Amino acid sequence: MITEAFVYIFASRSRCIYIGVTRNLPRRWRQHREGCGSEFVRKYRIRRLVYVERIPRLVDAIAREKQLKGWRRSKKVALIESMNPRWDDLGELWGWRPPVASRGTRQAHHPERSEGPPHL
């Protein structure tokens, strides 16, 4: 049974940030890359994974997500830059592949990949 979860921060090119929690980080990364999910994510084109924490229990991950959301922006930026000073897309750095449109349609192919980030 999967009990661990990931608290993540995604960002747009203009550094608008979105904090969330998931059990399947590669799938969530692909969803952001497609612009799926919340209206906020689509509107501000929040597509780059810039920070992640692996947390053993989902309940603790949810508490950590709430904690981060309560922080001032400057503290969130400092946290991101402590791990990722250039705000690179960690999913790309880890070799994850974005969804690929199939045969000219708007549907995307989602290869199954459930492993988490390689170094956490």
N, C-alpha and C. Protein backbone atom coordinates (compact mmCIF):
# COMPACT_ATOMS: atom_id res chain seq x y z
N MET A 1 0.83 -1.18 0.00
CA MET A 1 0.00 0.00 0.00
C MET A 1 0.88 1.25 0.00
N ILE A 2 0.57 2.17 -0.89
CA ILE A 2 1.34 3.41 -0.99
C ILE A 2 0.89 4.35 0.12
N THR A 3 1.83 4.76 0.94
CA THR A 3 1.49 5.70 2.00
C THR A 3 2.23 7.03 1.85
N GLU A 4 3.34 7.03 1.13
CA GLU A 4 4.09 8.27 1.00
C GLU A 4 3.41 9.23 0.04
N ALA A 5 3.76 10.48 0.17
CA ALA A 5 3.20 11.52 -0.69
C ALA A 5 4.28 12.57 -0.94
N PHE A 6 3.99 13.42 -1.89
CA PHE A 6 4.91 14.49 -2.25
C PHE A 6 4.22 15.83 -2.10
N VAL A 7 4.89 16.76 -1.45
CA VAL A 7 4.46 18.15 -1.44
C VAL A 7 5.29 18.81 -2.51
N TYR A 8 4.63 19.55 -3.39
CA TYR A 8 5.35 20.10 -4.53
C TYR A 8 5.02 21.58 -4.71
N ILE A 9 5.92 22.24 -5.41
CA ILE A 9 5.66 23.60 -5.86
C ILE A 9 5.93 23.63 -7.36
N PHE A 10 4.91 24.05 -8.10
CA PHE A 10 5.05 24.30 -9.53
C PHE A 10 5.08 25.80 -9.73
N ALA A 11 5.69 26.24 -10.84
CA ALA A 11 5.77 27.67 -11.12
C ALA A 11 5.61 27.93 -12.60
N SER A 12 5.20 29.14 -12.90
CA SER A 12 5.14 29.60 -14.28
C SER A 12 6.50 30.24 -14.61
N ARG A 13 6.68 30.61 -15.86
CA ARG A 13 7.92 31.30 -16.25
C ARG A 13 8.07 32.62 -15.49
N SER A 14 6.95 33.26 -15.18
CA SER A 14 7.00 34.53 -14.45
C SER A 14 7.05 34.32 -12.94
N ARG A 15 7.20 33.07 -12.53
CA ARG A 15 7.37 32.67 -11.13
C ARG A 15 6.11 32.80 -10.27
N CYS A 16 4.97 32.68 -10.90
CA CYS A 16 3.73 32.52 -10.16
C CYS A 16 3.75 31.09 -9.64
N ILE A 17 3.44 30.87 -8.37
CA ILE A 17 3.62 29.53 -7.81
C ILE A 17 2.30 28.90 -7.38
N TYR A 18 2.35 27.56 -7.36
CA TYR A 18 1.21 26.73 -6.98
C TYR A 18 1.74 25.61 -6.10
N ILE A 19 1.16 25.43 -4.93
CA ILE A 19 1.60 24.40 -3.98
C ILE A 19 0.53 23.33 -3.89
N GLY A 20 0.95 22.08 -3.91
CA GLY A 20 -0.01 20.99 -3.81
C GLY A 20 0.61 19.75 -3.20
N VAL A 21 -0.20 18.68 -3.15
CA VAL A 21 0.25 17.40 -2.62
C VAL A 21 -0.28 16.31 -3.55
N THR A 22 0.50 15.25 -3.75
CA THR A 22 0.10 14.14 -4.60
C THR A 22 0.82 12.88 -4.16
N ARG A 23 0.27 11.75 -4.53
CA ARG A 23 0.94 10.47 -4.31
C ARG A 23 1.72 10.05 -5.56
N ASN A 24 1.37 10.60 -6.71
CA ASN A 24 2.02 10.22 -7.96
C ASN A 24 2.57 11.48 -8.63
N LEU A 25 3.80 11.80 -8.32
CA LEU A 25 4.40 13.05 -8.79
C LEU A 25 4.60 13.08 -10.31
N PRO A 26 5.09 12.02 -10.95
CA PRO A 26 5.23 12.08 -12.41
C PRO A 26 3.90 12.33 -13.12
N ARG A 27 2.83 11.70 -12.64
CA ARG A 27 1.51 11.92 -13.25
C ARG A 27 1.08 13.37 -13.05
N ARG A 28 1.28 13.89 -11.86
CA ARG A 28 0.88 15.28 -11.58
C ARG A 28 1.70 16.26 -12.43
N TRP A 29 2.97 15.95 -12.64
CA TRP A 29 3.83 16.79 -13.49
C TRP A 29 3.27 16.83 -14.91
N ARG A 30 2.90 15.65 -15.43
CA ARG A 30 2.33 15.61 -16.78
C ARG A 30 1.02 16.39 -16.86
N GLN A 31 0.20 16.31 -15.83
CA GLN A 31 -1.05 17.07 -15.81
C GLN A 31 -0.78 18.57 -15.88
N HIS A 32 0.18 19.03 -15.13
CA HIS A 32 0.53 20.46 -15.18
C HIS A 32 1.07 20.82 -16.56
N ARG A 33 1.87 19.95 -17.13
CA ARG A 33 2.42 20.23 -18.46
C ARG A 33 1.33 20.36 -19.51
N GLU A 34 0.22 19.63 -19.34
CA GLU A 34 -0.93 19.70 -20.24
C GLU A 34 -1.83 20.88 -19.92
N GLY A 35 -1.64 21.51 -18.77
CA GLY A 35 -2.53 22.59 -18.36
C GLY A 35 -3.81 22.07 -17.74
N CYS A 36 -3.78 20.83 -17.27
CA CYS A 36 -4.96 20.23 -16.64
C CYS A 36 -4.99 20.60 -15.15
N GLY A 37 -6.13 20.41 -14.58
CA GLY A 37 -6.27 20.68 -13.16
C GLY A 37 -7.08 21.93 -12.93
N SER A 38 -6.60 22.77 -12.05
CA SER A 38 -7.37 23.95 -11.66
C SER A 38 -7.33 25.04 -12.73
N GLU A 39 -8.32 25.90 -12.65
CA GLU A 39 -8.37 27.07 -13.54
C GLU A 39 -7.15 27.96 -13.32
N PHE A 40 -6.70 28.07 -12.08
CA PHE A 40 -5.53 28.86 -11.74
C PHE A 40 -4.30 28.38 -12.51
N VAL A 41 -4.11 27.05 -12.55
CA VAL A 41 -2.96 26.45 -13.25
C VAL A 41 -3.03 26.77 -14.74
N ARG A 42 -4.21 26.64 -15.32
CA ARG A 42 -4.37 26.93 -16.76
C ARG A 42 -4.16 28.41 -17.04
N LYS A 43 -4.80 29.25 -16.24
CA LYS A 43 -4.75 30.70 -16.48
C LYS A 43 -3.32 31.25 -16.43
N TYR A 44 -2.54 30.79 -15.46
CA TYR A 44 -1.20 31.33 -15.27
C TYR A 44 -0.09 30.45 -15.86
N ARG A 45 -0.49 29.39 -16.58
CA ARG A 45 0.46 28.49 -17.26
C ARG A 45 1.54 27.98 -16.31
N ILE A 46 1.09 27.41 -15.22
CA ILE A 46 1.99 26.90 -14.20
C ILE A 46 2.37 25.47 -14.57
N ARG A 47 3.58 25.31 -15.14
CA ARG A 47 3.94 24.05 -15.74
C ARG A 47 5.28 23.45 -15.27
N ARG A 48 6.05 24.19 -14.51
CA ARG A 48 7.39 23.70 -14.13
C ARG A 48 7.42 23.29 -12.66
N LEU A 49 7.87 22.06 -12.42
CA LEU A 49 8.08 21.56 -11.06
C LEU A 49 9.38 22.16 -10.55
N VAL A 50 9.30 23.01 -9.51
CA VAL A 50 10.50 23.69 -9.04
C VAL A 50 10.95 23.27 -7.64
N TYR A 51 10.08 22.56 -6.92
CA TYR A 51 10.43 22.13 -5.57
C TYR A 51 9.59 20.91 -5.21
N VAL A 52 10.20 19.98 -4.46
CA VAL A 52 9.45 18.80 -4.02
C VAL A 52 10.02 18.25 -2.73
N GLU A 53 9.14 17.75 -1.89
CA GLU A 53 9.53 17.04 -0.66
C GLU A 53 8.80 15.70 -0.66
N ARG A 54 9.51 14.63 -0.37
CA ARG A 54 8.89 13.32 -0.17
C ARG A 54 8.60 13.18 1.30
N ILE A 55 7.36 12.84 1.63
CA ILE A 55 6.93 12.73 3.02
C ILE A 55 6.30 11.34 3.22
N PRO A 56 6.73 10.62 4.25
CA PRO A 56 6.30 9.22 4.41
C PRO A 56 4.80 8.99 4.55
N ARG A 57 4.07 9.94 5.17
CA ARG A 57 2.63 9.72 5.39
C ARG A 57 1.82 10.84 4.75
N LEU A 58 0.74 10.45 4.08
CA LEU A 58 -0.11 11.42 3.40
C LEU A 58 -0.63 12.49 4.36
N VAL A 59 -1.04 12.11 5.54
CA VAL A 59 -1.58 13.08 6.49
C VAL A 59 -0.52 14.15 6.83
N ASP A 60 0.73 13.74 6.94
CA ASP A 60 1.81 14.70 7.22
C ASP A 60 2.09 15.58 6.01
N ALA A 61 1.95 15.01 4.81
CA ALA A 61 2.15 15.80 3.59
C ALA A 61 1.09 16.89 3.47
N ILE A 62 -0.13 16.55 3.81
CA ILE A 62 -1.21 17.54 3.77
C ILE A 62 -0.96 18.66 4.78
N ALA A 63 -0.47 18.30 5.95
CA ALA A 63 -0.15 19.32 6.96
C ALA A 63 0.99 20.22 6.47
N ARG A 64 1.99 19.62 5.82
CA ARG A 64 3.11 20.41 5.30
C ARG A 64 2.64 21.34 4.17
N GLU A 65 1.77 20.85 3.32
CA GLU A 65 1.21 21.68 2.25
C GLU A 65 0.53 22.91 2.85
N LYS A 66 -0.29 22.70 3.86
CA LYS A 66 -0.99 23.82 4.51
C LYS A 66 0.00 24.79 5.14
N GLN A 67 1.06 24.24 5.75
CA GLN A 67 2.08 25.10 6.35
C GLN A 67 2.72 25.99 5.28
N LEU A 68 3.14 25.40 4.17
CA LEU A 68 3.79 26.17 3.11
C LEU A 68 2.86 27.22 2.53
N LYS A 69 1.60 26.87 2.35
CA LYS A 69 0.64 27.83 1.81
C LYS A 69 0.45 29.03 2.74
N GLY A 70 0.70 28.85 4.03
CA GLY A 70 0.57 29.94 4.99
C GLY A 70 1.78 30.86 5.06
N TRP A 71 2.87 30.47 4.42
CA TRP A 71 4.09 31.28 4.46
C TRP A 71 3.96 32.51 3.57
N ARG A 72 4.74 33.55 3.91
CA ARG A 72 4.89 34.71 3.03
C ARG A 72 5.59 34.26 1.74
N ARG A 73 5.34 34.97 0.66
CA ARG A 73 5.95 34.63 -0.62
C ARG A 73 7.48 34.59 -0.53
N SER A 74 8.07 35.53 0.17
CA SER A 74 9.54 35.58 0.25
C SER A 74 10.11 34.30 0.87
N LYS A 75 9.41 33.75 1.83
CA LYS A 75 9.87 32.51 2.47
C LYS A 75 9.72 31.32 1.51
N LYS A 76 8.64 31.30 0.72
CA LYS A 76 8.45 30.25 -0.29
C LYS A 76 9.55 30.32 -1.35
N VAL A 77 9.86 31.52 -1.79
CA VAL A 77 10.91 31.71 -2.80
C VAL A 77 12.25 31.23 -2.25
N ALA A 78 12.55 31.56 -1.02
CA ALA A 78 13.80 31.11 -0.40
C ALA A 78 13.86 29.58 -0.32
N LEU A 79 12.74 28.95 -0.01
CA LEU A 79 12.69 27.49 0.05
C LEU A 79 12.96 26.89 -1.33
N ILE A 80 12.30 27.41 -2.35
CA ILE A 80 12.54 26.92 -3.72
C ILE A 80 14.00 27.08 -4.08
N GLU A 81 14.55 28.26 -3.84
CA GLU A 81 15.92 28.55 -4.26
C GLU A 81 16.96 27.78 -3.45
N SER A 82 16.59 27.28 -2.27
CA SER A 82 17.52 26.45 -1.50
C SER A 82 17.75 25.10 -2.19
N MET A 83 16.78 24.64 -2.95
CA MET A 83 16.88 23.37 -3.67
C MET A 83 17.15 23.58 -5.15
N ASN A 84 16.64 24.66 -5.71
CA ASN A 84 16.62 24.86 -7.15
C ASN A 84 16.82 26.34 -7.47
N PRO A 85 18.04 26.85 -7.32
CA PRO A 85 18.27 28.29 -7.45
C PRO A 85 17.91 28.88 -8.82
N ARG A 86 17.91 28.06 -9.87
CA ARG A 86 17.58 28.58 -11.21
C ARG A 86 16.12 28.33 -11.59
N TRP A 87 15.35 27.74 -10.70
CA TRP A 87 13.94 27.43 -10.95
C TRP A 87 13.79 26.54 -12.18
N ASP A 88 14.70 25.59 -12.35
CA ASP A 88 14.61 24.65 -13.45
C ASP A 88 13.42 23.72 -13.25
N ASP A 89 12.93 23.14 -14.34
CA ASP A 89 11.86 22.14 -14.24
C ASP A 89 12.49 20.82 -13.82
N LEU A 90 12.25 20.40 -12.59
CA LEU A 90 12.88 19.19 -12.05
C LEU A 90 12.45 17.95 -12.81
N GLY A 91 11.21 17.91 -13.27
CA GLY A 91 10.74 16.77 -14.06
C GLY A 91 11.59 16.57 -15.30
N GLU A 92 11.91 17.66 -15.98
CA GLU A 92 12.78 17.57 -17.16
C GLU A 92 14.18 17.13 -16.77
N LEU A 93 14.70 17.68 -15.69
CA LEU A 93 16.05 17.31 -15.25
C LEU A 93 16.13 15.83 -14.89
N TRP A 94 15.03 15.27 -14.37
CA TRP A 94 14.99 13.85 -13.99
C TRP A 94 14.70 12.94 -15.18
N GLY A 95 14.52 13.53 -16.36
CA GLY A 95 14.30 12.73 -17.56
C GLY A 95 12.87 12.31 -17.80
N TRP A 96 11.91 12.91 -17.11
CA TRP A 96 10.51 12.58 -17.35
C TRP A 96 10.13 13.13 -18.71
N ARG A 97 9.21 12.47 -19.36
CA ARG A 97 8.77 12.89 -20.68
C ARG A 97 7.38 13.51 -20.60
N PRO A 98 7.20 14.67 -21.24
CA PRO A 98 5.87 15.28 -21.25
C PRO A 98 4.92 14.46 -22.12
N PRO A 99 3.62 14.66 -21.97
CA PRO A 99 2.66 13.96 -22.81
C PRO A 99 2.86 14.34 -24.27
N VAL A 100 2.57 13.39 -25.14
CA VAL A 100 2.73 13.61 -26.57
C VAL A 100 1.36 13.51 -27.21
N ALA A 101 0.98 14.52 -27.98
CA ALA A 101 -0.30 14.48 -28.68
C ALA A 101 -0.26 13.34 -29.69
N SER A 102 -1.34 12.58 -29.78
CA SER A 102 -1.36 11.45 -30.68
C SER A 102 -2.14 11.75 -31.95
N ARG A 103 -1.50 11.58 -33.08
CA ARG A 103 -2.09 11.69 -34.42
C ARG A 103 -2.87 12.98 -34.64
N GLY A 104 -2.31 14.08 -34.22
CA GLY A 104 -2.93 15.37 -34.49
C GLY A 104 -4.16 15.68 -33.66
N THR A 105 -4.49 14.84 -32.69
CA THR A 105 -5.64 15.14 -31.85
C THR A 105 -5.17 15.89 -30.62
N ARG A 106 -6.11 16.36 -29.86
CA ARG A 106 -5.77 17.08 -28.63
C ARG A 106 -5.58 16.13 -27.46
N GLN A 107 -5.85 14.85 -27.65
CA GLN A 107 -5.65 13.90 -26.57
C GLN A 107 -4.16 13.68 -26.39
N ALA A 108 -3.78 13.35 -25.20
CA ALA A 108 -2.38 13.10 -24.90
C ALA A 108 -2.19 11.66 -24.47
N HIS A 109 -1.03 11.14 -24.78
CA HIS A 109 -0.65 9.79 -24.37
C HIS A 109 0.05 9.90 -23.02
N HIS A 110 -0.34 9.06 -22.07
CA HIS A 110 0.25 9.09 -20.74
C HIS A 110 0.97 7.78 -20.47
N PRO A 111 2.26 7.71 -20.72
CA PRO A 111 2.97 6.48 -20.38
C PRO A 111 2.93 6.27 -18.87
N GLU A 112 2.75 5.05 -18.45
CA GLU A 112 2.68 4.76 -17.02
C GLU A 112 4.08 4.83 -16.43
N ARG A 113 4.19 5.60 -15.40
CA ARG A 113 5.45 5.76 -14.71
C ARG A 113 5.13 6.23 -13.31
N SER A 114 5.32 5.39 -12.33
CA SER A 114 4.86 5.76 -10.99
C SER A 114 5.99 6.04 -10.01
N GLU A 115 7.23 5.92 -10.45
CA GLU A 115 8.30 6.16 -9.48
C GLU A 115 8.41 7.63 -9.14
N GLY A 116 8.94 7.90 -8.00
CA GLY A 116 9.10 9.28 -7.56
C GLY A 116 10.40 9.85 -8.05
N PRO A 117 10.75 11.01 -7.58
CA PRO A 117 11.98 11.65 -7.98
C PRO A 117 13.18 10.79 -7.56
N PRO A 118 14.21 10.76 -8.39
CA PRO A 118 15.31 9.85 -8.14
C PRO A 118 16.15 10.14 -6.91
N HIS A 119 16.21 11.37 -6.46
CA HIS A 119 17.16 11.68 -5.38
C HIS A 119 16.52 12.09 -4.07
N LEU A 120 15.26 11.90 -3.90
CA LEU A 120 14.66 12.31 -2.63
C LEU A 120 14.55 11.14 -1.69
